[in-house]
Each structure stands twice: as structure tokens, then as C-alpha cells.
Amino acid sequence: MGPFIADFVCHGARLEVELYGGVHDAPDVIQRDQDRRLWIEGRSYLMLRFSNSEVLRDAKKTADEISRIALSRLKPGG
């Protein structure tokens, strides 16, 4: 997306999903992540972030949440 690499995007729902690991706890990476979020959300996309451990612990829950939010954003007025 623009100058960034996105993990997953649904343009119809204006939804971007990021999966991240421990490297994202480093101060310089935290700032880059914030810059990316501001850029993406400044274009009316919603960014969802899930840690790798969260996804591995309960992939179905993660997928259900992404699906629920994507579907709600695809509905008129969503």
C-alpha cells in the first residue's frame, strides 16, 4: 500500500491487516509502525494488528474477527 508492504488488504472493505512479531517492540520499529498506521488510516482504511503469537494461539478467533470487521465495512454505511 503506497510506500508500505501490507500483509493483507481488502480494498472493498478498506481494511488492512498486519501480523507482527517481537521485532516490532524496538523503538525505531514502533515509530515506523505508527507512521504506517497514520498513512494507511489517513486514506480511510482501518488497520488491524495481530501478534504472531495471538494468531498461532487461536487462528480461528483471529480469522473470525477479521471476517466480522470486513463484512461490517462492506455493508452500506458500515
PDB file of N, CA and C in Angstrom:
ATOM      1  N   MET A   1       0.862  -1.172   0.000  1.00  0.00           N
ATOM      2  CA  MET A   1       0.000   0.000   0.000  1.00  0.00           C
ATOM      3  C   MET A   1       0.901   1.224   0.000  1.00  0.00           C
ATOM      4  N   GLY A   2       0.831   1.955  -1.088  1.00  0.00           N
ATOM      5  CA  GLY A   2       1.684   3.131  -1.182  1.00  0.00           C
ATOM      6  C   GLY A   2       3.128   2.747  -0.964  1.00  0.00           C
ATOM      7  N   PRO A   3       3.817   3.419  -0.042  1.00  0.00           N
ATOM      8  CA  PRO A   3       5.228   3.115   0.191  1.00  0.00           C
ATOM      9  C   PRO A   3       5.445   1.939   1.148  1.00  0.00           C
ATOM     10  N   PHE A   4       4.372   1.266   1.564  1.00  0.00           N
ATOM     11  CA  PHE A   4       4.467   0.210   2.568  1.00  0.00           C
ATOM     12  C   PHE A   4       4.090  -1.150   1.999  1.00  0.00           C
ATOM     13  N   ILE A   5       4.619  -2.188   2.622  1.00  0.00           N
ATOM     14  CA  ILE A   5       4.234  -3.555   2.296  1.00  0.00           C
ATOM     15  C   ILE A   5       3.186  -3.964   3.321  1.00  0.00           C
ATOM     16  N   ALA A   6       2.022  -4.358   2.838  1.00  0.00           N
ATOM     17  CA  ALA A   6       0.938  -4.789   3.715  1.00  0.00           C
ATOM     18  C   ALA A   6       0.887  -6.312   3.726  1.00  0.00           C
ATOM     19  N   ASP A   7       0.543  -6.882   4.869  1.00  0.00           N
ATOM     20  CA  ASP A   7       0.395  -8.332   4.938  1.00  0.00           C
ATOM     21  C   ASP A   7      -0.863  -8.774   4.182  1.00  0.00           C
ATOM     22  N   PHE A   8      -1.990  -8.140   4.483  1.00  0.00           N
ATOM     23  CA  PHE A   8      -3.254  -8.469   3.830  1.00  0.00           C
ATOM     24  C   PHE A   8      -4.068  -7.189   3.660  1.00  0.00           C
ATOM     25  N   VAL A   9      -4.746  -7.074   2.521  1.00  0.00           N
ATOM     26  CA  VAL A   9      -5.586  -5.903   2.259  1.00  0.00           C
ATOM     27  C   VAL A   9      -6.883  -6.350   1.602  1.00  0.00           C
ATOM     28  N   CYS A  10      -7.979  -5.769   2.041  1.00  0.00           N
ATOM     29  CA  CYS A  10      -9.259  -5.899   1.351  1.00  0.00           C
ATOM     30  C   CYS A  10      -9.666  -4.484   0.967  1.00  0.00           C
ATOM     31  N   HIS A  11      -9.459  -4.146  -0.315  1.00  0.00           N
ATOM     32  CA  HIS A  11      -9.754  -2.780  -0.746  1.00  0.00           C
ATOM     33  C   HIS A  11     -11.245  -2.473  -0.658  1.00  0.00           C
ATOM     34  N   GLY A  12     -12.093  -3.465  -0.932  1.00  0.00           N
ATOM     35  CA  GLY A  12     -13.534  -3.239  -0.863  1.00  0.00           C
ATOM     36  C   GLY A  12     -13.990  -2.804   0.522  1.00  0.00           C
ATOM     37  N   ALA A  13     -13.384  -3.390   1.550  1.00  0.00           N
ATOM     38  CA  ALA A  13     -13.725  -3.042   2.941  1.00  0.00           C
ATOM     39  C   ALA A  13     -12.809  -1.961   3.493  1.00  0.00           C
ATOM     40  N   ARG A  14     -11.839  -1.539   2.686  1.00  0.00           N
ATOM     41  CA  ARG A  14     -10.846  -0.563   3.124  1.00  0.00           C
ATOM     42  C   ARG A  14     -10.236  -1.012   4.453  1.00  0.00           C
ATOM     43  N   LEU A  15      -9.750  -2.262   4.417  1.00  0.00           N
ATOM     44  CA  LEU A  15      -9.220  -2.919   5.607  1.00  0.00           C
ATOM     45  C   LEU A  15      -7.824  -3.454   5.310  1.00  0.00           C
ATOM     46  N   GLU A  16      -6.893  -3.190   6.215  1.00  0.00           N
ATOM     47  CA  GLU A  16      -5.523  -3.677   6.099  1.00  0.00           C
ATOM     48  C   GLU A  16      -5.203  -4.432   7.376  1.00  0.00           C
ATOM     49  N   VAL A  17      -4.617  -5.624   7.238  1.00  0.00           N
ATOM     50  CA  VAL A  17      -4.314  -6.471   8.386  1.00  0.00           C
ATOM     51  C   VAL A  17      -2.803  -6.682   8.462  1.00  0.00           C
ATOM     52  N   GLU A  18      -2.264  -6.466   9.640  1.00  0.00           N
ATOM     53  CA  GLU A  18      -0.843  -6.650   9.908  1.00  0.00           C
ATOM     54  C   GLU A  18      -0.662  -7.765  10.927  1.00  0.00           C
ATOM     55  N   LEU A  19       0.286  -8.653  10.657  1.00  0.00           N
ATOM     56  CA  LEU A  19       0.737  -9.647  11.624  1.00  0.00           C
ATOM     57  C   LEU A  19       2.147  -9.250  12.013  1.00  0.00           C
ATOM     58  N   TYR A  20       2.456  -9.306  13.305  1.00  0.00           N
ATOM     59  CA  TYR A  20       3.770  -8.813  13.728  1.00  0.00           C
ATOM     60  C   TYR A  20       4.387  -9.688  14.802  1.00  0.00           C
ATOM     61  N   GLY A  21       5.710  -9.658  14.833  1.00  0.00           N
ATOM     62  CA  GLY A  21       6.475 -10.402  15.825  1.00  0.00           C
ATOM     63  C   GLY A  21       7.169  -9.453  16.781  1.00  0.00           C
ATOM     64  N   GLY A  22       8.061 -10.009  17.589  1.00  0.00           N
ATOM     65  CA  GLY A  22       8.734  -9.269  18.646  1.00  0.00           C
ATOM     66  C   GLY A  22       9.590  -8.107  18.176  1.00  0.00           C
ATOM     67  N   VAL A  23      10.080  -8.156  16.942  1.00  0.00           N
ATOM     68  CA  VAL A  23      10.921  -7.065  16.443  1.00  0.00           C
ATOM     69  C   VAL A  23      10.166  -5.736  16.457  1.00  0.00           C
ATOM     70  N   HIS A  24       8.861  -5.793  16.452  1.00  0.00           N
ATOM     71  CA  HIS A  24       8.054  -4.564  16.431  1.00  0.00           C
ATOM     72  C   HIS A  24       8.007  -3.862  17.785  1.00  0.00           C
ATOM     73  N   ASP A  25       8.698  -4.424  18.780  1.00  0.00           N
ATOM     74  CA  ASP A  25       8.803  -3.778  20.094  1.00  0.00           C
ATOM     75  C   ASP A  25       9.989  -2.819  20.164  1.00  0.00           C
ATOM     76  N   ALA A  26      10.862  -2.840  19.163  1.00  0.00           N
ATOM     77  CA  ALA A  26      12.032  -1.950  19.146  1.00  0.00           C
ATOM     78  C   ALA A  26      11.579  -0.514  18.895  1.00  0.00           C
ATOM     79  N   PRO A  27      12.166   0.460  19.593  1.00  0.00           N
ATOM     80  CA  PRO A  27      11.715   1.856  19.481  1.00  0.00           C
ATOM     81  C   PRO A  27      11.645   2.395  18.047  1.00  0.00           C
ATOM     82  N   ASP A  28      12.644   2.104  17.218  1.00  0.00           N
ATOM     83  CA  ASP A  28      12.604   2.632  15.853  1.00  0.00           C
ATOM     84  C   ASP A  28      11.520   1.961  15.022  1.00  0.00           C
ATOM     85  N   VAL A  29      11.240   0.690  15.305  1.00  0.00           N
ATOM     86  CA  VAL A  29      10.188  -0.024  14.580  1.00  0.00           C
ATOM     87  C   VAL A  29       8.818   0.462  15.043  1.00  0.00           C
ATOM     88  N   ILE A  30       8.687   0.750  16.327  1.00  0.00           N
ATOM     89  CA  ILE A  30       7.423   1.294  16.850  1.00  0.00           C
ATOM     90  C   ILE A  30       7.077   2.586  16.117  1.00  0.00           C
ATOM     91  N   GLN A  31       8.053   3.453  15.907  1.00  0.00           N
ATOM     92  CA  GLN A  31       7.806   4.715  15.204  1.00  0.00           C
ATOM     93  C   GLN A  31       7.419   4.471  13.750  1.00  0.00           C
ATOM     94  N   ARG A  32       8.115   3.551  13.078  1.00  0.00           N
ATOM     95  CA  ARG A  32       7.760   3.236  11.681  1.00  0.00           C
ATOM     96  C   ARG A  32       6.360   2.651  11.591  1.00  0.00           C
ATOM     97  N   ASP A  33       5.995   1.800  12.557  1.00  0.00           N
ATOM     98  CA  ASP A  33       4.646   1.229  12.570  1.00  0.00           C
ATOM     99  C   ASP A  33       3.599   2.326  12.746  1.00  0.00           C
ATOM    100  N   GLN A  34       3.900   3.283  13.614  1.00  0.00           N
ATOM    101  CA  GLN A  34       2.966   4.400  13.832  1.00  0.00           C
ATOM    102  C   GLN A  34       2.844   5.242  12.558  1.00  0.00           C
ATOM    103  N   ASP A  35       3.951   5.505  11.893  1.00  0.00           N
ATOM    104  CA  ASP A  35       3.912   6.258  10.632  1.00  0.00           C
ATOM    105  C   ASP A  35       3.072   5.520   9.588  1.00  0.00           C
ATOM    106  N   ARG A  36       3.258   4.191   9.511  1.00  0.00           N
ATOM    107  CA  ARG A  36       2.478   3.386   8.563  1.00  0.00           C
ATOM    108  C   ARG A  36       0.995   3.460   8.893  1.00  0.00           C
ATOM    109  N   ARG A  37       0.665   3.325  10.192  1.00  0.00           N
ATOM    110  CA  ARG A  37      -0.750   3.387  10.599  1.00  0.00           C
ATOM    111  C   ARG A  37      -1.359   4.732  10.208  1.00  0.00           C
ATOM    112  N   LEU A  38      -0.658   5.817  10.474  1.00  0.00           N
ATOM    113  CA  LEU A  38      -1.184   7.146  10.136  1.00  0.00           C
ATOM    114  C   LEU A  38      -1.387   7.300   8.634  1.00  0.00           C
ATOM    115  N   TRP A  39      -0.460   6.797   7.844  1.00  0.00           N
ATOM    116  CA  TRP A  39      -0.570   6.897   6.391  1.00  0.00           C
ATOM    117  C   TRP A  39      -1.762   6.096   5.892  1.00  0.00           C
ATOM    118  N   ILE A  40      -1.886   4.849   6.373  1.00  0.00           N
ATOM    119  CA  ILE A  40      -2.964   3.965   5.923  1.00  0.00           C
ATOM    120  C   ILE A  40      -4.314   4.484   6.384  1.00  0.00           C
ATOM    121  N   GLU A  41      -4.433   4.834   7.656  1.00  0.00           N
ATOM    122  CA  GLU A  41      -5.716   5.309   8.178  1.00  0.00           C
ATOM    123  C   GLU A  41      -6.059   6.687   7.640  1.00  0.00           C
ATOM    124  N   GLY A  42      -5.059   7.442   7.202  1.00  0.00           N
ATOM    125  CA  GLY A  42      -5.319   8.728   6.556  1.00  0.00           C
ATOM    126  C   GLY A  42      -5.976   8.577   5.198  1.00  0.00           C
ATOM    127  N   ARG A  43      -6.014   7.355   4.686  1.00  0.00           N
ATOM    128  CA  ARG A  43      -6.663   7.066   3.408  1.00  0.00           C
ATOM    129  C   ARG A  43      -7.947   6.272   3.615  1.00  0.00           C
ATOM    130  N   SER A  44      -8.531   6.415   4.801  1.00  0.00           N
ATOM    131  CA  SER A  44      -9.822   5.799   5.162  1.00  0.00           C
ATOM    132  C   SER A  44      -9.795   4.279   5.225  1.00  0.00           C
ATOM    133  N   TYR A  45      -8.624   3.711   5.451  1.00  0.00           N
ATOM    134  CA  TYR A  45      -8.517   2.281   5.703  1.00  0.00           C
ATOM    135  C   TYR A  45      -8.438   2.073   7.207  1.00  0.00           C
ATOM    136  N   LEU A  46      -8.927   0.943   7.658  1.00  0.00           N
ATOM    137  CA  LEU A  46      -8.772   0.541   9.050  1.00  0.00           C
ATOM    138  C   LEU A  46      -7.627  -0.460   9.104  1.00  0.00           C
ATOM    139  N   MET A  47      -6.702  -0.259  10.010  1.00  0.00           N
ATOM    140  CA  MET A  47      -5.609  -1.203  10.194  1.00  0.00           C
ATOM    141  C   MET A  47      -5.891  -2.057  11.419  1.00  0.00           C
ATOM    142  N   LEU A  48      -5.880  -3.371  11.213  1.00  0.00           N
ATOM    143  CA  LEU A  48      -5.969  -4.319  12.318  1.00  0.00           C
ATOM    144  C   LEU A  48      -4.592  -4.925  12.506  1.00  0.00           C
ATOM    145  N   ARG A  49      -4.179  -5.062  13.753  1.00  0.00           N
ATOM    146  CA  ARG A  49      -2.867  -5.658  14.043  1.00  0.00           C
ATOM    147  C   ARG A  49      -3.052  -6.832  14.992  1.00  0.00           C
ATOM    148  N   PHE A  50      -2.382  -7.924  14.662  1.00  0.00           N
ATOM    149  CA  PHE A  50      -2.408  -9.128  15.481  1.00  0.00           C
ATOM    150  C   PHE A  50      -0.977  -9.624  15.634  1.00  0.00           C
ATOM    151  N   SER A  51      -0.615  -9.989  16.851  1.00  0.00           N
ATOM    152  CA  SER A  51       0.725 -10.546  17.054  1.00  0.00           C
ATOM    153  C   SER A  51       0.760 -11.969  16.506  1.00  0.00           C
ATOM    154  N   ASN A  52       1.945 -12.389  16.088  1.00  0.00           N
ATOM    155  CA  ASN A  52       2.103 -13.753  15.589  1.00  0.00           C
ATOM    156  C   ASN A  52       1.643 -14.754  16.642  1.00  0.00           C
ATOM    157  N   SER A  53       2.002 -14.516  17.903  1.00  0.00           N
ATOM    158  CA  SER A  53       1.623 -15.459  18.962  1.00  0.00           C
ATOM    159  C   SER A  53       0.108 -15.511  19.145  1.00  0.00           C
ATOM    160  N   GLU A  54      -0.558 -14.378  18.985  1.00  0.00           N
ATOM    161  CA  GLU A  54      -2.020 -14.334  19.084  1.00  0.00           C
ATOM    162  C   GLU A  54      -2.649 -15.198  17.985  1.00  0.00           C
ATOM    163  N   VAL A  55      -2.127 -15.083  16.775  1.00  0.00           N
ATOM    164  CA  VAL A  55      -2.655 -15.853  15.642  1.00  0.00           C
ATOM    165  C   VAL A  55      -2.390 -17.340  15.844  1.00  0.00           C
ATOM    166  N   LEU A  56      -1.179 -17.673  16.288  1.00  0.00           N
ATOM    167  CA  LEU A  56      -0.847 -19.080  16.496  1.00  0.00           C
ATOM    168  C   LEU A  56      -1.647 -19.692  17.642  1.00  0.00           C
ATOM    169  N   ARG A  57      -1.942 -18.900  18.646  1.00  0.00           N
ATOM    170  CA  ARG A  57      -2.698 -19.377  19.805  1.00  0.00           C
ATOM    171  C   ARG A  57      -4.145 -19.676  19.433  1.00  0.00           C
ATOM    172  N   ASP A  58      -4.760 -18.836  18.591  1.00  0.00           N
ATOM    173  CA  ASP A  58      -6.171 -19.033  18.240  1.00  0.00           C
ATOM    174  C   ASP A  58      -6.446 -18.431  16.864  1.00  0.00           C
ATOM    175  N   ALA A  59      -6.026 -19.148  15.831  1.00  0.00           N
ATOM    176  CA  ALA A  59      -6.178 -18.664  14.457  1.00  0.00           C
ATOM    177  C   ALA A  59      -7.643 -18.465  14.094  1.00  0.00           C
ATOM    178  N   LYS A  60      -8.527 -19.329  14.564  1.00  0.00           N
ATOM    179  CA  LYS A  60      -9.947 -19.188  14.238  1.00  0.00           C
ATOM    180  C   LYS A  60     -10.518 -17.894  14.805  1.00  0.00           C
ATOM    181  N   LYS A  61     -10.165 -17.583  16.036  1.00  0.00           N
ATOM    182  CA  LYS A  61     -10.649 -16.341  16.651  1.00  0.00           C
ATOM    183  C   LYS A  61     -10.166 -15.130  15.849  1.00  0.00           C
ATOM    184  N   THR A  62      -8.907 -15.152  15.446  1.00  0.00           N
ATOM    185  CA  THR A  62      -8.348 -14.051  14.653  1.00  0.00           C
ATOM    186  C   THR A  62      -9.083 -13.930  13.321  1.00  0.00           C
ATOM    187  N   ALA A  63      -9.254 -15.057  12.636  1.00  0.00           N
ATOM    188  CA  ALA A  63      -9.943 -15.054  11.343  1.00  0.00           C
ATOM    189  C   ALA A  63     -11.390 -14.587  11.495  1.00  0.00           C
ATOM    190  N   ASP A  64     -12.050 -15.028  12.549  1.00  0.00           N
ATOM    191  CA  ASP A  64     -13.441 -14.604  12.786  1.00  0.00           C
ATOM    192  C   ASP A  64     -13.531 -13.104  13.002  1.00  0.00           C
ATOM    193  N   GLU A  65     -12.596 -12.540  13.749  1.00  0.00           N
ATOM    194  CA  GLU A  65     -12.608 -11.102  13.995  1.00  0.00           C
ATOM    195  C   GLU A  65     -12.365 -10.316  12.704  1.00  0.00           C
ATOM    196  N   ILE A  66     -11.393 -10.759  11.919  1.00  0.00           N
ATOM    197  CA  ILE A  66     -11.129 -10.091  10.640  1.00  0.00           C
ATOM    198  C   ILE A  66     -12.358 -10.168   9.745  1.00  0.00           C
ATOM    199  N   SER A  67     -12.959 -11.329   9.665  1.00  0.00           N
ATOM    200  CA  SER A  67     -14.150 -11.522   8.830  1.00  0.00           C
ATOM    201  C   SER A  67     -15.301 -10.633   9.290  1.00  0.00           C
ATOM    202  N   ARG A  68     -15.549 -10.610  10.590  1.00  0.00           N
ATOM    203  CA  ARG A  68     -16.645  -9.802  11.140  1.00  0.00           C
ATOM    204  C   ARG A  68     -16.451  -8.326  10.792  1.00  0.00           C
ATOM    205  N   ILE A  69     -15.239  -7.829  10.974  1.00  0.00           N
ATOM    206  CA  ILE A  69     -14.970  -6.410  10.715  1.00  0.00           C
ATOM    207  C   ILE A  69     -15.034  -6.132   9.218  1.00  0.00           C
ATOM    208  N   ALA A  70     -14.465  -7.008   8.402  1.00  0.00           N
ATOM    209  CA  ALA A  70     -14.512  -6.802   6.948  1.00  0.00           C
ATOM    210  C   ALA A  70     -15.956  -6.768   6.461  1.00  0.00           C
ATOM    211  N   LEU A  71     -16.755  -7.724   6.906  1.00  0.00           N
ATOM    212  CA  LEU A  71     -18.155  -7.759   6.463  1.00  0.00           C
ATOM    213  C   LEU A  71     -18.924  -6.523   6.914  1.00  0.00           C
ATOM    214  N   SER A  72     -18.650  -6.038   8.113  1.00  0.00           N
ATOM    215  CA  SER A  72     -19.359  -4.853   8.594  1.00  0.00           C
ATOM    216  C   SER A  72     -18.975  -3.620   7.781  1.00  0.00           C
ATOM    217  N   ARG A  73     -17.747  -3.595   7.285  1.00  0.00           N
ATOM    218  CA  ARG A  73     -17.298  -2.446   6.488  1.00  0.00           C
ATOM    219  C   ARG A  73     -17.759  -2.547   5.036  1.00  0.00           C
ATOM    220  N   LEU A  74     -18.175  -3.735   4.606  1.00  0.00           N
ATOM    221  CA  LEU A  74     -18.685  -3.902   3.248  1.00  0.00           C
ATOM    222  C   LEU A  74     -20.158  -3.533   3.129  1.00  0.00           C
ATOM    223  N   LYS A  75     -20.847  -3.527   4.263  1.00  0.00           N
ATOM    224  CA  LYS A  75     -22.268  -3.176   4.267  1.00  0.00           C
ATOM    225  C   LYS A  75     -22.424  -1.678   4.034  1.00  0.00           C
ATOM    226  N   PRO A  76     -23.497  -1.275   3.354  1.00  0.00           N
ATOM    227  CA  PRO A  76     -23.732   0.178   3.184  1.00  0.00           C
ATOM    228  C   PRO A  76     -23.782   0.860   4.555  1.00  0.00           C
ATOM    229  N   GLY A  77     -23.023   1.935   4.683  1.00  0.00           N
ATOM    230  CA  GLY A  77     -22.982   2.685   5.940  1.00  0.00           C
ATOM    231  C   GLY A  77     -22.081   2.051   6.980  1.00  0.00           C
ATOM    232  N   GLY A  78     -21.367   0.946   6.621  1.00  0.00           N
ATOM    233  CA  GLY A  78     -20.545   0.222   7.580  1.00  0.00           C
ATOM    234  C   GLY A  78     -19.199   0.830   7.780  1.00  0.00           C
TER     235      GLY A  78
END
